[in-house]
Each structure stands twice: as C-alpha cells, then as structure tokens.
C-alpha atoms as a PDB file:
ATOM      1  CA  MET A   1      50.516 172.462 135.586  1.00  0.00           C
ATOM      2  CA  PRO A   2      53.506 172.460 133.190  1.00  0.00           C
ATOM      3  CA  PRO A   3      53.636 169.309 131.037  1.00  0.00           C
ATOM      4  CA  SER A   4      56.981 168.367 132.588  1.00  0.00           C
ATOM      5  CA  SER A   5      55.341 168.307 136.056  1.00  0.00           C
ATOM      6  CA  HIS A   6      52.566 165.931 135.040  1.00  0.00           C
ATOM      7  CA  PRO A   7      52.616 162.759 137.221  1.00  0.00           C
ATOM      8  CA  SER A   8      52.978 160.546 134.132  1.00  0.00           C
ATOM      9  CA  ALA A   9      55.990 162.541 132.914  1.00  0.00           C
ATOM     10  CA  ILE A  10      57.602 162.447 136.351  1.00  0.00           C
ATOM     11  CA  LYS A  11      57.125 158.668 136.513  1.00  0.00           C
ATOM     12  CA  ILE A  12      58.654 158.112 133.057  1.00  0.00           C
ATOM     13  CA  ARG A  13      61.713 160.194 134.012  1.00  0.00           C
ATOM     14  CA  GLN A  14      62.512 157.963 136.985  1.00  0.00           C
ATOM     15  CA  PRO A  15      65.363 155.471 136.550  1.00  0.00           C
ATOM     16  CA  ILE A  16      64.309 151.905 135.793  1.00  0.00           C
ATOM     17  CA  ARG A  17      65.886 149.280 138.028  1.00  0.00           C
ATOM     18  CA  PHE A  18      65.850 145.531 137.535  1.00  0.00           C
ATOM     19  CA  GLU A  19      67.944 142.435 138.180  1.00  0.00           C
ATOM     20  CA  ALA A  20      68.792 139.668 135.749  1.00  0.00           C
ATOM     21  CA  GLN A  21      70.366 136.234 135.815  1.00  0.00           C
ATOM     22  CA  LEU A  22      72.694 136.042 132.815  1.00  0.00           C
ATOM     23  CA  GLU A  23      73.833 132.449 132.609  1.00  0.00           C
ATOM     24  CA  ASP A  24      75.673 131.872 135.913  1.00  0.00           C
ATOM     25  CA  ILE A  25      75.972 135.555 136.870  1.00  0.00           C
ATOM     26  CA  HIS A  26      73.422 137.721 138.662  1.00  0.00           C
ATOM     27  CA  LEU A  27      73.545 141.442 137.852  1.00  0.00           C
ATOM     28  CA  ARG A  28      71.686 144.600 138.891  1.00  0.00           C
ATOM     29  CA  PHE A  29      70.859 147.302 136.368  1.00  0.00           C
ATOM     30  CA  GLU A  30      69.779 150.930 136.367  1.00  0.00           C
ATOM     31  CA  THR A  31      68.453 152.166 133.010  1.00  0.00           C
ATOM     32  CA  SER A  32      66.006 154.700 131.580  1.00  0.00           C
ATOM     33  CA  PHE A  33      63.703 155.108 128.607  1.00  0.00           C
ATOM     34  CA  GLY A  34      65.424 156.189 125.416  1.00  0.00           C
ATOM     35  CA  ILE A  35      68.199 153.595 125.448  1.00  0.00           C
ATOM     36  CA  PHE A  36      67.997 150.099 124.003  1.00  0.00           C
ATOM     37  CA  SER A  37      65.883 147.497 125.863  1.00  0.00           C
ATOM     38  CA  PRO A  38      65.586 149.511 129.104  1.00  0.00           C
ATOM     39  CA  LYS A  39      63.320 147.127 131.050  1.00  0.00           C
ATOM     40  CA  GLU A  40      64.880 143.733 130.374  1.00  0.00           C
ATOM     41  CA  ILE A  41      67.841 142.011 128.770  1.00  0.00           C
ATOM     42  CA  ASP A  42      67.108 141.576 125.083  1.00  0.00           C
ATOM     43  CA  GLU A  43      66.948 138.253 123.252  1.00  0.00           C
ATOM     44  CA  GLY A  44      70.100 138.866 121.198  1.00  0.00           C
ATOM     45  CA  THR A  45      72.234 139.580 124.278  1.00  0.00           C
ATOM     46  CA  ARG A  46      70.964 136.469 126.045  1.00  0.00           C
ATOM     47  CA  LEU A  47      71.767 134.325 122.997  1.00  0.00           C
ATOM     48  CA  LEU A  48      75.246 135.860 122.746  1.00  0.00           C
ATOM     49  CA  LEU A  49      76.127 135.289 126.400  1.00  0.00           C
ATOM     50  CA  ARG A  50      74.904 131.695 126.188  1.00  0.00           C
ATOM     51  CA  HIS A  51      77.596 130.974 123.592  1.00  0.00           C
ATOM     52  CA  LEU A  52      80.407 133.423 124.461  1.00  0.00           C
ATOM     53  CA  LYS A  53      83.668 131.808 125.581  1.00  0.00           C
ATOM     54  CA  ILE A  54      85.893 133.931 127.775  1.00  0.00           C
ATOM     55  CA  GLU A  55      89.008 133.276 129.871  1.00  0.00           C
ATOM     56  CA  ASP A  56      89.546 134.849 133.286  1.00  0.00           C
ATOM     57  CA  ASN A  57      92.614 136.816 132.119  1.00  0.00           C
ATOM     58  CA  TYR A  58      91.092 138.281 128.945  1.00  0.00           C
ATOM     59  CA  ASP A  59      91.158 141.976 128.140  1.00  0.00           C
ATOM     60  CA  CYS A  60      87.740 142.657 126.601  1.00  0.00           C
ATOM     61  CA  LEU A  61      85.871 145.441 124.848  1.00  0.00           C
ATOM     62  CA  ASP A  62      82.091 145.909 124.601  1.00  0.00           C
ATOM     63  CA  LEU A  63      81.329 148.097 121.579  1.00  0.00           C
ATOM     64  CA  GLY A  64      77.982 149.915 121.789  1.00  0.00           C
ATOM     65  CA  CYS A  65      77.625 148.837 125.390  1.00  0.00           C
ATOM     66  CA  GLY A  66      74.311 150.513 126.226  1.00  0.00           C
ATOM     67  CA  TYR A  67      73.799 150.299 129.976  1.00  0.00           C
ATOM     68  CA  GLY A  68      76.427 147.562 130.194  1.00  0.00           C
ATOM     69  CA  ALA A  69      74.827 144.111 130.203  1.00  0.00           C
ATOM     70  CA  ILE A  70      77.483 142.409 128.056  1.00  0.00           C
ATOM     71  CA  GLY A  71      80.436 144.356 129.464  1.00  0.00           C
ATOM     72  CA  LEU A  72      79.487 143.778 133.097  1.00  0.00           C
ATOM     73  CA  TRP A  73      79.051 140.065 132.449  1.00  0.00           C
ATOM     74  CA  MET A  74      82.471 139.915 130.766  1.00  0.00           C
ATOM     75  CA  ALA A  75      84.049 141.797 133.681  1.00  0.00           C
ATOM     76  CA  LYS A  76      82.744 139.183 136.108  1.00  0.00           C
ATOM     77  CA  LYS A  77      84.064 136.383 133.886  1.00  0.00           C
ATOM     78  CA  ALA A  78      87.430 138.001 133.108  1.00  0.00           C
ATOM     79  CA  CYS A  79      88.163 138.714 136.760  1.00  0.00           C
ATOM     80  CA  ASN A  80      91.928 138.846 136.155  1.00  0.00           C
ATOM     81  CA  GLY A  81      91.631 140.934 132.991  1.00  0.00           C
ATOM     82  CA  LYS A  82      89.972 144.244 132.194  1.00  0.00           C
ATOM     83  CA  VAL A  83      86.913 145.399 130.273  1.00  0.00           C
ATOM     84  CA  VAL A  84      86.363 148.637 128.370  1.00  0.00           C
ATOM     85  CA  MET A  85      82.816 149.613 127.426  1.00  0.00           C
ATOM     86  CA  LEU A  86      82.155 152.145 124.655  1.00  0.00           C
ATOM     87  CA  ASP A  87      78.969 153.891 123.516  1.00  0.00           C
ATOM     88  CA  LYS A  88      78.167 157.150 121.727  1.00  0.00           C
ATOM     89  CA  ASP A  89      75.101 157.793 123.946  1.00  0.00           C
ATOM     90  CA  PHE A  90      76.073 159.798 127.031  1.00  0.00           C
ATOM     91  CA  VAL A  91      72.975 158.644 128.946  1.00  0.00           C
ATOM     92  CA  ALA A  92      73.895 155.002 128.333  1.00  0.00           C
ATOM     93  CA  ILE A  93      77.449 155.655 129.546  1.00  0.00           C
ATOM     94  CA  GLU A  94      76.201 157.319 132.736  1.00  0.00           C
ATOM     95  CA  HIS A  95      74.028 154.281 133.454  1.00  0.00           C
ATOM     96  CA  CYS A  96      76.949 152.027 132.602  1.00  0.00           C
ATOM     97  CA  LYS A  97      79.206 153.793 135.096  1.00  0.00           C
ATOM     98  CA  ASN A  98      76.514 153.522 137.771  1.00  0.00           C
ATOM     99  CA  ASN A  99      75.996 149.835 137.004  1.00  0.00           C
ATOM    100  CA  ILE A 100      79.719 149.168 137.389  1.00  0.00           C
ATOM    101  CA  GLN A 101      79.407 150.552 140.933  1.00  0.00           C
ATOM    102  CA  HIS A 102      76.077 148.824 141.690  1.00  0.00           C
ATOM    103  CA  ASN A 103      77.676 145.461 140.895  1.00  0.00           C
ATOM    104  CA  ASN A 104      80.946 146.125 142.765  1.00  0.00           C
ATOM    105  CA  ILE A 105      83.058 145.669 139.642  1.00  0.00           C
ATOM    106  CA  ASN A 106      86.601 147.073 139.760  1.00  0.00           C
ATOM    107  CA  ASN A 107      88.040 145.868 136.443  1.00  0.00           C
ATOM    108  CA  ALA A 108      85.757 147.757 134.030  1.00  0.00           C
ATOM    109  CA  THR A 109      85.539 151.296 132.649  1.00  0.00           C
ATOM    110  CA  ALA A 110      82.957 153.014 130.439  1.00  0.00           C
ATOM    111  CA  LYS A 111      83.808 155.721 127.902  1.00  0.00           C
ATOM    112  CA  LEU A 112      81.778 157.973 125.649  1.00  0.00           C
ATOM    113  CA  SER A 113      83.024 157.136 122.155  1.00  0.00           C
ATOM    114  CA  ASN A 114      81.833 157.141 118.552  1.00  0.00           C
ATOM    115  CA  GLY A 115      82.780 153.587 117.692  1.00  0.00           C
ATOM    116  CA  PHE A 116      86.441 153.125 118.645  1.00  0.00           C
ATOM    117  CA  SER A 117      87.272 156.849 118.373  1.00  0.00           C
ATOM    118  CA  GLU A 118      88.293 157.377 122.021  1.00  0.00           C
ATOM    119  CA  LEU A 119      90.755 154.492 122.094  1.00  0.00           C
ATOM    120  CA  LYS A 120      94.446 155.041 121.482  1.00  0.00           C
ATOM    121  CA  ASP A 121      96.305 151.837 120.616  1.00  0.00           C
ATOM    122  CA  GLU A 122      94.805 149.486 123.197  1.00  0.00           C
ATOM    123  CA  LYS A 123      94.640 145.823 122.199  1.00  0.00           C
ATOM    124  CA  PHE A 124      92.108 143.241 123.342  1.00  0.00           C
ATOM    125  CA  ASP A 125      91.708 139.472 123.431  1.00  0.00           C
ATOM    126  CA  LEU A 126      87.992 139.750 122.756  1.00  0.00           C
ATOM    127  CA  ILE A 127      85.813 142.463 121.221  1.00  0.00           C
ATOM    128  CA  VAL A 128      82.054 141.942 121.407  1.00  0.00           C
ATOM    129  CA  SER A 129      79.101 143.902 120.062  1.00  0.00           C
ATOM    130  CA  ASN A 130      75.337 143.608 119.898  1.00  0.00           C
ATOM    131  CA  ILE A 131      75.129 145.475 116.593  1.00  0.00           C
ATOM    132  CA  PRO A 132      71.903 147.436 115.941  1.00  0.00           C
ATOM    133  CA  ALA A 133      69.997 146.380 112.829  1.00  0.00           C
ATOM    134  CA  LYS A 134      69.918 149.952 111.480  1.00  0.00           C
ATOM    135  CA  VAL A 135      73.567 150.887 111.974  1.00  0.00           C
ATOM    136  CA  GLY A 136      74.227 150.920 108.206  1.00  0.00           C
ATOM    137  CA  ASN A 137      76.797 149.043 106.136  1.00  0.00           C
ATOM    138  CA  GLU A 138      79.313 151.921 106.161  1.00  0.00           C
ATOM    139  CA  MET A 139      79.479 152.021 109.963  1.00  0.00           C
ATOM    140  CA  LEU A 140      79.635 148.224 110.092  1.00  0.00           C
ATOM    141  CA  TYR A 141      82.679 148.307 107.809  1.00  0.00           C
ATOM    142  CA  LEU A 142      84.356 150.853 110.086  1.00  0.00           C
ATOM    143  CA  PHE A 143      83.577 148.802 113.197  1.00  0.00           C
ATOM    144  CA  ILE A 144      85.066 145.678 111.628  1.00  0.00           C
ATOM    145  CA  TYR A 145      88.211 147.437 110.339  1.00  0.00           C
ATOM    146  CA  ASP A 146      88.744 149.095 113.729  1.00  0.00           C
ATOM    147  CA  ALA A 147      88.103 145.831 115.570  1.00  0.00           C
ATOM    148  CA  PHE A 148      90.878 144.230 113.508  1.00  0.00           C
ATOM    149  CA  HIS A 149      93.272 147.019 114.540  1.00  0.00           C
ATOM    150  CA  HIS A 150      92.413 146.751 118.247  1.00  0.00           C
ATOM    151  CA  LEU A 151      92.641 142.972 118.570  1.00  0.00           C
ATOM    152  CA  LYS A 152      95.701 141.159 119.838  1.00  0.00           C
ATOM    153  CA  GLU A 153      97.079 138.395 117.663  1.00  0.00           C
ATOM    154  CA  ASN A 154      94.608 135.479 117.844  1.00  0.00           C
ATOM    155  CA  GLY A 155      92.061 137.841 119.380  1.00  0.00           C
ATOM    156  CA  GLN A 156      88.415 137.314 118.487  1.00  0.00           C
ATOM    157  CA  PHE A 157      85.647 139.641 117.297  1.00  0.00           C
ATOM    158  CA  VAL A 158      82.170 138.322 118.135  1.00  0.00           C
ATOM    159  CA  VAL A 159      78.895 140.013 117.197  1.00  0.00           C
ATOM    160  CA  VAL A 160      75.221 139.273 117.543  1.00  0.00           C
ATOM    161  CA  THR A 161      73.009 140.655 114.769  1.00  0.00           C
ATOM    162  CA  VAL A 162      69.545 140.177 113.378  1.00  0.00           C
ATOM    163  CA  ASN A 163      69.524 137.227 110.998  1.00  0.00           C
ATOM    164  CA  GLY A 164      69.236 139.546 107.998  1.00  0.00           C
ATOM    165  CA  LEU A 165      72.824 140.779 108.553  1.00  0.00           C
ATOM    166  CA  ARG A 166      74.481 137.362 108.769  1.00  0.00           C
ATOM    167  CA  HIS A 167      75.438 137.203 105.076  1.00  0.00           C
ATOM    168  CA  PHE A 168      76.955 140.698 105.256  1.00  0.00           C
ATOM    169  CA  CYS A 169      78.976 139.660 108.316  1.00  0.00           C
ATOM    170  CA  LYS A 170      80.192 136.503 106.590  1.00  0.00           C
ATOM    171  CA  ARG A 171      81.339 138.426 103.514  1.00  0.00           C
ATOM    172  CA  VAL A 172      83.047 141.291 105.361  1.00  0.00           C
ATOM    173  CA  PHE A 173      84.627 139.123 108.072  1.00  0.00           C
ATOM    174  CA  ASN A 174      86.178 136.982 105.340  1.00  0.00           C
ATOM    175  CA  GLU A 175      87.279 140.108 103.460  1.00  0.00           C
ATOM    176  CA  ILE A 176      88.964 141.803 106.428  1.00  0.00           C
ATOM    177  CA  PHE A 177      89.942 138.934 108.741  1.00  0.00           C
ATOM    178  CA  GLY A 178      90.189 136.108 106.230  1.00  0.00           C
ATOM    179  CA  ASN A 179      87.892 133.867 108.254  1.00  0.00           C
ATOM    180  CA  TYR A 180      84.327 133.571 109.529  1.00  0.00           C
ATOM    181  CA  ASP A 181      82.547 131.343 112.031  1.00  0.00           C
ATOM    182  CA  LYS A 182      78.790 131.196 112.523  1.00  0.00           C
ATOM    183  CA  ILE A 183      78.635 130.242 116.179  1.00  0.00           C
ATOM    184  CA  LYS A 184      74.858 130.067 116.482  1.00  0.00           C
ATOM    185  CA  GLN A 185      71.785 131.048 114.497  1.00  0.00           C
ATOM    186  CA  GLY A 186      68.553 131.387 116.445  1.00  0.00           C
ATOM    187  CA  SER A 187      65.074 132.223 115.229  1.00  0.00           C
ATOM    188  CA  ASN A 188      65.822 135.983 115.152  1.00  0.00           C
ATOM    189  CA  TYR A 189      69.533 136.491 115.793  1.00  0.00           C
ATOM    190  CA  THR A 190      72.885 135.123 114.616  1.00  0.00           C
ATOM    191  CA  ILE A 191      76.203 135.069 116.466  1.00  0.00           C
ATOM    192  CA  SER A 192      79.123 135.598 114.076  1.00  0.00           C
ATOM    193  CA  ALA A 193      82.804 135.523 114.893  1.00  0.00           C
ATOM    194  CA  CYS A 194      86.239 135.936 113.327  1.00  0.00           C
ATOM    195  CA  LYS A 195      89.811 135.754 114.573  1.00  0.00           C
ATOM    196  CA  LYS A 196      92.846 137.964 113.944  1.00  0.00           C
ATOM    197  CA  ILE A 197      95.468 135.643 112.513  1.00  0.00           C
ATOM    198  CA  ASN A 198      98.701 137.243 111.306  1.00  0.00           C
END
C-alpha cells in the first residue's frame, strides 16, 4: 500500500469542520492541517474579538486571515460595509472562500496576497491582524507602514500579538502613526491599536 493510501494519511487529508460562537455571532468553519489553529479558534483571536469595536458601515481588512475567523466575524458586524481578507497561503485562502459561502456572507472577499501586495489604493476604516509571533521585525515594519497607507483618515489599525511583541508595537506605532493604545493585555496576548490622524 502506498504511504499516501494509508488510512491514517487519508483521514488527516480530510477537511476539518467545526462551529464556533464568537461573541454574539455563530460561524461555521472548514479548515485543514497545515494552517494556523485548524481545529478551534485560538486564544488571541477570541481576546481580540472580545474587545474589537466595529460599526455596521465599516470597510474592513483582515491581514493574514487564515481560514477567515476574524474577517467573517467583521463581515457579519459590518453588514453595510465590506471586508477584504488577505493571506499568502493559498490553502488558507481556499478555505476562506469556502467559509464565506458556508456562512452565507455576501460582503466579503478573500485574496492571495503577500501582505498588502495585491491591493491597489483601497482604503479602510479598520485593519485588523492576528500577527504571528515569528513574522520578524522587518515584515512587521512593512505591515505597519502599509496599514498606514491603506487606512482612511481616522481609520484604526488593531493587532493581537504575543505579549513579547507589545513593546515593539508601542514603539513602532508611535513612530509611524504618532499614537498607541494598549486596548487589553491578557496572560498571553496583547491587543494594540493606533489611529491614522492627519
């Protein structure tokens, strides 16, 4: 029997499906092994959504969307706006597109993109990211500079990071945006925010 035909391998290749209650919104997800937190919504995302303020007419962006937990939630909240979800992992984007359909969402799109690279000059009221701990300071700088460019005036950039990155976020947010707000620090994760003020 070829290794790829082994029952264990076949089982692992099957899509993972689960449902989650994210604050006041119930969502269905299809995921697979190899992308971040494939079997449940991670602690950082749950903390972020607990403290994220969003208006129903916001245009939003989810940077590094994975299979779409944050972006789908924002699309439900911003029912009169639109949501763009970006990720450089094509498997994550395929799941994201499927999850948009599974949840009957018509105001969200998912694009394969290295950071903001596939955007033109779109502007958003809110840009959100669950930033991986190992992304590296250089990529973080690029994300923050590009977020500034793609925000509307008074738009907000909100990230959740491991606590070890909070001082970096404070320094660079102040450097690029001129302001910083620590919204919440939990036992493992911190929510940091800044606003584009011209």
